[in-house]
N, C-alpha and C. Protein backbone atom coordinates (compact mmCIF):
# COMPACT_ATOMS: atom_id res chain seq x y z
N MET A 1 70.23 -39.24 32.19
CA MET A 1 70.68 -40.09 31.03
C MET A 1 71.49 -39.09 30.16
N GLU A 2 72.62 -39.49 29.48
CA GLU A 2 73.55 -38.70 28.68
C GLU A 2 73.45 -39.21 27.24
N LYS A 3 73.36 -38.32 26.36
CA LYS A 3 73.47 -38.89 24.93
C LYS A 3 74.30 -37.82 24.14
N ASP A 4 75.53 -38.26 23.88
CA ASP A 4 76.43 -37.40 23.07
C ASP A 4 76.59 -36.01 23.59
N ASN A 5 76.94 -35.97 24.83
CA ASN A 5 77.09 -34.70 25.69
C ASN A 5 75.82 -33.89 25.88
N GLU A 6 74.77 -34.50 25.48
CA GLU A 6 73.28 -33.74 25.87
C GLU A 6 72.80 -34.55 27.14
N ARG A 7 72.21 -33.71 28.08
CA ARG A 7 71.53 -34.24 29.17
C ARG A 7 70.01 -34.72 28.71
N VAL A 8 69.69 -35.94 28.56
CA VAL A 8 68.31 -36.27 28.19
C VAL A 8 67.52 -36.68 29.29
N LEU A 9 66.34 -36.26 29.42
CA LEU A 9 65.42 -36.60 30.62
C LEU A 9 64.22 -37.10 29.95
N ARG A 10 63.78 -38.34 30.54
CA ARG A 10 62.54 -38.91 30.15
C ARG A 10 61.32 -38.47 30.95
N ILE A 11 60.43 -37.69 30.51
CA ILE A 11 59.30 -37.17 31.33
C ILE A 11 57.96 -38.10 30.94
N ILE A 12 57.29 -38.19 31.92
CA ILE A 12 55.94 -38.84 31.78
C ILE A 12 54.88 -37.79 31.79
N ASN A 13 54.06 -37.58 30.65
CA ASN A 13 53.09 -36.52 30.67
C ASN A 13 51.90 -37.09 31.43
N GLU A 14 50.91 -36.07 31.58
CA GLU A 14 49.77 -36.20 32.36
C GLU A 14 48.92 -37.39 31.80
N ASP A 15 48.98 -37.53 30.45
CA ASP A 15 48.20 -38.77 29.82
C ASP A 15 48.96 -40.06 29.85
N LYS A 16 50.12 -40.03 30.59
CA LYS A 16 50.85 -41.26 30.89
C LYS A 16 51.80 -41.70 29.73
N THR A 17 51.83 -40.85 28.48
CA THR A 17 52.76 -41.05 27.57
C THR A 17 54.25 -40.49 27.98
N THR A 18 55.20 -41.01 27.42
CA THR A 18 56.64 -40.58 27.81
C THR A 18 57.25 -39.93 26.53
N GLU A 19 58.29 -39.05 26.88
CA GLU A 19 58.97 -38.28 25.72
C GLU A 19 60.24 -38.17 26.31
N GLU A 20 61.21 -37.99 25.61
CA GLU A 20 62.66 -37.58 25.91
C GLU A 20 62.81 -36.11 25.53
N VAL A 21 63.39 -35.27 26.51
CA VAL A 21 63.70 -33.90 26.22
C VAL A 21 65.05 -33.58 26.58
N GLU A 22 65.75 -32.53 25.93
CA GLU A 22 67.08 -32.31 26.36
C GLU A 22 67.21 -31.14 27.40
N VAL A 23 67.88 -31.43 28.33
CA VAL A 23 67.95 -30.40 29.55
C VAL A 23 69.00 -29.36 29.03
N ILE A 24 68.62 -28.28 29.13
CA ILE A 24 69.65 -26.95 28.84
C ILE A 24 70.34 -26.57 30.06
N VAL A 25 69.61 -26.32 31.16
CA VAL A 25 70.02 -26.08 32.36
C VAL A 25 69.16 -26.21 33.44
N GLU A 26 69.59 -26.57 34.78
CA GLU A 26 68.79 -26.79 35.92
C GLU A 26 69.49 -25.94 36.98
N PHE A 27 68.77 -25.22 37.79
CA PHE A 27 69.29 -24.49 39.08
C PHE A 27 68.20 -24.12 40.07
N ARG A 28 68.84 -23.80 41.24
CA ARG A 28 68.03 -23.41 42.15
C ARG A 28 68.32 -21.93 42.80
N PHE A 29 67.22 -21.39 43.28
CA PHE A 29 67.40 -19.99 43.78
C PHE A 29 67.97 -20.21 45.30
N LYS A 30 67.85 -19.29 46.10
CA LYS A 30 68.28 -19.59 47.45
C LYS A 30 67.41 -20.49 48.15
N ASP A 31 66.20 -20.43 47.96
CA ASP A 31 65.30 -21.39 48.68
C ASP A 31 65.37 -22.67 47.97
N PRO A 32 65.85 -23.82 48.81
CA PRO A 32 65.97 -25.02 48.12
C PRO A 32 64.65 -25.57 47.41
N LYS A 33 63.53 -25.13 47.72
CA LYS A 33 62.28 -25.49 47.12
C LYS A 33 62.18 -24.96 45.73
N ASP A 34 63.01 -23.80 45.52
CA ASP A 34 62.69 -23.18 44.16
C ASP A 34 63.75 -23.78 43.15
N GLN A 35 63.53 -25.05 42.73
CA GLN A 35 64.44 -25.62 41.65
C GLN A 35 63.68 -25.53 40.45
N PHE A 36 64.36 -25.15 39.40
CA PHE A 36 63.82 -24.94 38.02
C PHE A 36 64.74 -25.83 37.00
N ILE A 37 63.93 -26.16 35.89
CA ILE A 37 64.64 -26.88 34.73
C ILE A 37 64.25 -26.18 33.56
N VAL A 38 65.18 -25.93 32.70
CA VAL A 38 64.86 -25.32 31.21
C VAL A 38 65.32 -26.46 30.29
N TYR A 39 64.33 -26.81 29.34
CA TYR A 39 64.50 -27.88 28.60
C TYR A 39 63.86 -27.69 27.20
N THR A 40 64.28 -28.44 26.34
CA THR A 40 63.69 -28.31 24.93
C THR A 40 63.30 -29.81 24.27
N LYS A 41 62.45 -29.63 23.49
CA LYS A 41 61.93 -30.91 22.76
C LYS A 41 62.59 -30.80 21.33
N ASN A 42 63.35 -29.79 21.13
CA ASN A 42 63.97 -29.53 19.79
C ASN A 42 63.02 -29.23 18.81
N GLU A 43 61.91 -28.57 19.19
CA GLU A 43 60.93 -28.16 18.18
C GLU A 43 61.13 -26.69 17.74
N LYS A 44 60.73 -26.32 16.40
CA LYS A 44 61.17 -24.91 16.03
C LYS A 44 59.77 -24.14 15.97
N CYS A 45 60.07 -22.98 16.26
CA CYS A 45 58.86 -22.04 16.13
C CYS A 45 58.70 -21.45 14.64
N GLY A 46 57.84 -20.66 14.50
CA GLY A 46 57.72 -20.09 13.00
C GLY A 46 58.91 -19.39 12.47
N GLU A 47 59.62 -18.84 13.40
CA GLU A 47 60.93 -17.96 13.01
C GLU A 47 62.05 -18.93 13.00
N GLY A 48 61.93 -20.25 13.19
CA GLY A 48 62.94 -21.05 13.01
C GLY A 48 63.76 -21.20 14.41
N ASN A 49 63.55 -20.57 15.45
CA ASN A 49 64.24 -20.61 16.77
C ASN A 49 63.81 -21.98 17.41
N VAL A 50 64.45 -22.45 18.31
CA VAL A 50 64.25 -23.65 19.00
C VAL A 50 63.36 -23.18 20.29
N ILE A 51 62.18 -23.93 20.58
CA ILE A 51 61.37 -23.58 21.55
C ILE A 51 61.97 -24.30 22.88
N VAL A 52 62.10 -23.45 24.00
CA VAL A 52 62.44 -23.93 25.18
C VAL A 52 61.30 -23.86 26.19
N TYR A 53 61.33 -24.70 27.20
CA TYR A 53 60.33 -24.78 28.30
C TYR A 53 61.07 -24.40 29.61
N ILE A 54 60.31 -23.91 30.52
CA ILE A 54 60.71 -23.68 31.86
C ILE A 54 59.62 -24.37 32.85
N SER A 55 60.13 -25.16 33.76
CA SER A 55 59.41 -25.86 34.68
C SER A 55 59.97 -25.79 36.04
N LYS A 56 59.12 -25.72 37.14
CA LYS A 56 59.62 -25.84 38.45
C LYS A 56 59.65 -27.31 38.83
N VAL A 57 60.57 -27.83 39.53
CA VAL A 57 60.64 -29.13 39.93
C VAL A 57 60.15 -29.39 41.28
N ASP A 58 59.19 -30.26 41.44
CA ASP A 58 58.60 -30.56 42.82
C ASP A 58 59.21 -31.91 43.15
N LEU A 59 60.01 -32.01 44.34
CA LEU A 59 60.68 -33.16 44.66
C LEU A 59 59.81 -33.95 45.89
N LYS A 60 58.62 -33.45 46.16
CA LYS A 60 57.74 -33.87 47.24
C LYS A 60 57.43 -35.56 46.94
N GLU A 61 57.20 -35.89 45.73
CA GLU A 61 56.73 -37.23 45.52
C GLU A 61 58.06 -38.06 45.22
N SER A 62 57.67 -39.28 45.06
CA SER A 62 58.87 -40.40 44.91
C SER A 62 59.50 -39.97 43.50
N LEU A 63 58.79 -39.65 42.50
CA LEU A 63 59.33 -39.19 41.24
C LEU A 63 59.29 -37.66 41.11
N PRO A 64 60.37 -36.96 40.64
CA PRO A 64 60.22 -35.40 40.49
C PRO A 64 59.00 -35.19 39.64
N THR A 65 58.32 -34.16 39.89
CA THR A 65 57.25 -33.67 38.96
C THR A 65 57.69 -32.30 38.49
N LEU A 66 57.29 -32.02 37.12
CA LEU A 66 57.54 -30.69 36.57
C LEU A 66 56.24 -30.03 36.62
N LEU A 67 56.25 -28.89 37.10
CA LEU A 67 55.06 -28.01 37.39
C LEU A 67 55.19 -26.65 36.64
N ASN A 68 53.98 -26.09 36.27
CA ASN A 68 54.04 -24.83 35.50
C ASN A 68 54.47 -23.77 36.49
N VAL A 69 55.21 -22.76 35.75
CA VAL A 69 55.82 -21.67 36.81
C VAL A 69 54.74 -20.58 36.67
N SER A 70 54.85 -19.73 37.63
CA SER A 70 54.10 -18.57 37.72
C SER A 70 54.54 -17.51 36.93
N ASP A 71 53.94 -16.35 36.60
CA ASP A 71 54.67 -15.22 35.89
C ASP A 71 55.83 -14.74 36.53
N GLU A 72 55.72 -14.58 37.90
CA GLU A 72 56.89 -14.23 38.78
C GLU A 72 58.08 -15.02 38.58
N GLU A 73 57.82 -16.34 38.71
CA GLU A 73 58.91 -17.36 38.57
C GLU A 73 59.53 -17.23 37.20
N TYR A 74 58.69 -17.22 36.10
CA TYR A 74 59.05 -17.15 34.77
C TYR A 74 60.14 -15.87 34.65
N GLU A 75 59.87 -14.88 35.13
CA GLU A 75 60.67 -13.67 35.11
C GLU A 75 61.94 -13.81 35.79
N ARG A 76 61.89 -14.50 37.10
CA ARG A 76 63.15 -14.78 37.74
C ARG A 76 64.06 -15.62 36.99
N VAL A 77 63.47 -16.67 36.38
CA VAL A 77 64.33 -17.63 35.55
C VAL A 77 64.88 -16.92 34.36
N ILE A 78 63.95 -16.25 33.63
CA ILE A 78 64.59 -15.48 32.47
C ILE A 78 65.74 -14.52 32.75
N ASN A 79 65.49 -13.82 33.90
CA ASN A 79 66.60 -12.90 34.27
C ASN A 79 67.85 -13.68 34.76
N ALA A 80 67.59 -14.73 35.39
CA ALA A 80 68.96 -15.64 35.81
C ALA A 80 69.52 -16.16 34.55
N LEU A 81 68.75 -16.55 33.52
CA LEU A 81 69.27 -17.04 32.19
C LEU A 81 70.17 -15.86 31.57
N HIS A 82 69.50 -14.78 31.53
CA HIS A 82 70.34 -13.57 31.02
C HIS A 82 71.63 -13.40 31.66
N GLU A 83 71.64 -13.42 32.88
CA GLU A 83 72.70 -13.34 33.66
C GLU A 83 73.84 -14.27 33.37
N MET A 84 73.46 -15.57 33.30
CA MET A 84 74.26 -16.67 32.81
C MET A 84 74.92 -16.45 31.42
N ILE A 85 74.18 -16.05 30.59
CA ILE A 85 74.66 -15.73 29.31
C ILE A 85 75.61 -14.54 29.34
N ALA A 86 75.39 -13.51 30.06
CA ALA A 86 76.32 -12.44 30.13
C ALA A 86 77.59 -12.78 30.61
N LEU A 87 77.59 -13.78 31.60
CA LEU A 87 78.80 -14.12 32.14
C LEU A 87 79.78 -14.93 31.40
N ASN A 88 79.16 -15.61 30.30
CA ASN A 88 79.91 -16.41 29.36
C ASN A 88 80.47 -15.65 28.20
């Protein structure tokens, strides 16, 4: 779903409630199973920065499922984001 140049994704939480989040970027590493999404709910932390979330995307089910990332996956995603920013 697109909303004024924003990619909006509707997610279903474990408690079956839904919410819309803004997709910042999604990408894969070499292994096609390693698909990740970085998104925000446009919440602000105490310092006023926007909070972002990183999830692994599981495509095994009929609907894609967002999974928690391991510490190692988190570091890989953060490093990839730093590289993307450095290239711009």
